[in-house]
Amino acid sequence: MTPERHVKLFKNGRNQAVRIPREFELPGEDAIMRREGGRLIIEPMPPKSLLDVLATLKPIEDEFPTIDELPLEPVAF
């Protein structure tokens, strides 16, 4: 279990903020925050879906060689 740590709250403009100590750092740059009763829960964002990742890829510029079509052979089941 991760040990507790006393942290200070401060104002950042009109928002309340807290510095997250190194041992509690979350991966990535985004997180999800929700309230459960009197608790404030901060969780890392779930991994992106495969479609989200594919959308960030650059198109392939390479020329692909043509592939000769082979005759189909019957298959016995």
C-alpha atoms as a PDB file:
ATOM      1  CA  MET A   1       0.000   0.000   0.000  1.00  0.00           C
ATOM      2  CA  THR A   2       1.294   3.484  -0.872  1.00  0.00           C
ATOM      3  CA  PRO A   3       2.043   5.597   2.199  1.00  0.00           C
ATOM      4  CA  GLU A   4       0.014   8.709   2.913  1.00  0.00           C
ATOM      5  CA  ARG A   5       1.514  12.116   2.346  1.00  0.00           C
ATOM      6  CA  HIS A   6       0.409  15.510   3.681  1.00  0.00           C
ATOM      7  CA  VAL A   7       0.055  18.003   0.816  1.00  0.00           C
ATOM      8  CA  LYS A   8      -0.827  21.692   0.649  1.00  0.00           C
ATOM      9  CA  LEU A   9      -3.690  23.074  -1.395  1.00  0.00           C
ATOM     10  CA  PHE A  10      -3.175  26.382  -3.193  1.00  0.00           C
ATOM     11  CA  LYS A  11      -4.962  28.675  -5.629  1.00  0.00           C
ATOM     12  CA  ASN A  12      -3.976  28.777  -9.297  1.00  0.00           C
ATOM     13  CA  GLY A  13      -6.069  31.585 -10.745  1.00  0.00           C
ATOM     14  CA  ARG A  14      -9.673  30.706  -9.895  1.00  0.00           C
ATOM     15  CA  ASN A  15      -8.866  26.995  -9.478  1.00  0.00           C
ATOM     16  CA  GLN A  16      -7.788  25.118  -6.392  1.00  0.00           C
ATOM     17  CA  ALA A  17      -4.689  22.983  -7.026  1.00  0.00           C
ATOM     18  CA  VAL A  18      -2.434  20.475  -5.312  1.00  0.00           C
ATOM     19  CA  ARG A  19       1.144  19.485  -6.131  1.00  0.00           C
ATOM     20  CA  ILE A  20       1.356  15.739  -6.605  1.00  0.00           C
ATOM     21  CA  PRO A  21       4.487  14.328  -4.938  1.00  0.00           C
ATOM     22  CA  ARG A  22       6.804  12.254  -7.138  1.00  0.00           C
ATOM     23  CA  GLU A  23       5.823   8.939  -5.521  1.00  0.00           C
ATOM     24  CA  PHE A  24       2.187   9.605  -6.530  1.00  0.00           C
ATOM     25  CA  GLU A  25       2.866  10.805 -10.101  1.00  0.00           C
ATOM     26  CA  LEU A  26       0.456   9.611 -12.767  1.00  0.00           C
ATOM     27  CA  PRO A  27       1.570   8.581 -16.256  1.00  0.00           C
ATOM     28  CA  GLY A  28       0.746  10.783 -19.234  1.00  0.00           C
ATOM     29  CA  GLU A  29      -0.556  14.338 -19.329  1.00  0.00           C
ATOM     30  CA  ASP A  30      -4.265  13.765 -18.662  1.00  0.00           C
ATOM     31  CA  ALA A  31      -6.218  12.305 -15.762  1.00  0.00           C
ATOM     32  CA  ILE A  32      -9.810  11.688 -14.712  1.00  0.00           C
ATOM     33  CA  MET A  33     -11.103  13.301 -11.508  1.00  0.00           C
ATOM     34  CA  ARG A  34     -14.293  12.414  -9.684  1.00  0.00           C
ATOM     35  CA  ARG A  35     -15.822  12.801  -6.251  1.00  0.00           C
ATOM     36  CA  GLU A  36     -16.990   9.794  -4.233  1.00  0.00           C
ATOM     37  CA  GLY A  37     -18.633  11.043  -1.076  1.00  0.00           C
ATOM     38  CA  GLY A  38     -16.011  13.100   0.761  1.00  0.00           C
ATOM     39  CA  ARG A  39     -13.143  11.682  -1.317  1.00  0.00           C
ATOM     40  CA  LEU A  40     -11.586  13.202  -4.414  1.00  0.00           C
ATOM     41  CA  ILE A  41     -10.326  10.477  -6.766  1.00  0.00           C
ATOM     42  CA  ILE A  42      -7.726  11.212  -9.468  1.00  0.00           C
ATOM     43  CA  GLU A  43      -6.913   8.386 -11.884  1.00  0.00           C
ATOM     44  CA  PRO A  44      -4.738   8.158 -14.987  1.00  0.00           C
ATOM     45  CA  MET A  45      -6.561   8.266 -18.305  1.00  0.00           C
ATOM     46  CA  PRO A  46      -7.172   4.801 -19.712  1.00  0.00           C
ATOM     47  CA  PRO A  47      -5.072   3.898 -22.749  1.00  0.00           C
ATOM     48  CA  LYS A  48      -6.373   5.193 -26.045  1.00  0.00           C
ATOM     49  CA  SER A  49      -8.276   2.805 -28.271  1.00  0.00           C
ATOM     50  CA  LEU A  50      -6.487   1.285 -31.245  1.00  0.00           C
ATOM     51  CA  LEU A  51      -8.488   3.594 -33.558  1.00  0.00           C
ATOM     52  CA  ASP A  52      -7.251   6.654 -31.621  1.00  0.00           C
ATOM     53  CA  VAL A  53      -3.647   5.475 -31.957  1.00  0.00           C
ATOM     54  CA  LEU A  54      -4.035   4.686 -35.668  1.00  0.00           C
ATOM     55  CA  ALA A  55      -5.500   8.161 -36.271  1.00  0.00           C
ATOM     56  CA  THR A  56      -2.205   9.704 -35.090  1.00  0.00           C
ATOM     57  CA  LEU A  57      -0.076   7.773 -37.615  1.00  0.00           C
ATOM     58  CA  LYS A  58       1.179   9.433 -40.772  1.00  0.00           C
ATOM     59  CA  PRO A  59       0.159   7.914 -44.122  1.00  0.00           C
ATOM     60  CA  ILE A  60       2.649   5.535 -45.751  1.00  0.00           C
ATOM     61  CA  GLU A  61       4.327   7.234 -48.699  1.00  0.00           C
ATOM     62  CA  ASP A  62       6.158   4.139 -50.037  1.00  0.00           C
ATOM     63  CA  GLU A  63       5.231   2.535 -53.339  1.00  0.00           C
ATOM     64  CA  PHE A  64       4.215  -1.082 -52.910  1.00  0.00           C
ATOM     65  CA  PRO A  65       5.018  -3.604 -55.636  1.00  0.00           C
ATOM     66  CA  THR A  66       2.184  -5.256 -57.481  1.00  0.00           C
ATOM     67  CA  ILE A  67       1.428  -8.798 -56.386  1.00  0.00           C
ATOM     68  CA  ASP A  68       0.496 -11.398 -58.950  1.00  0.00           C
ATOM     69  CA  GLU A  69      -2.803 -13.109 -58.197  1.00  0.00           C
ATOM     70  CA  LEU A  70      -2.326 -16.818 -57.715  1.00  0.00           C
ATOM     71  CA  PRO A  71      -4.960 -19.247 -58.938  1.00  0.00           C
ATOM     72  CA  LEU A  72      -7.296 -20.470 -56.220  1.00  0.00           C
ATOM     73  CA  GLU A  73      -7.016 -24.109 -55.268  1.00  0.00           C
ATOM     74  CA  PRO A  74      -9.931 -26.096 -53.864  1.00  0.00           C
ATOM     75  CA  VAL A  75      -9.755 -26.897 -50.158  1.00  0.00           C
ATOM     76  CA  ALA A  76     -11.287 -30.001 -48.635  1.00  0.00           C
ATOM     77  CA  PHE A  77     -13.055 -29.537 -45.310  1.00  0.00           C
END
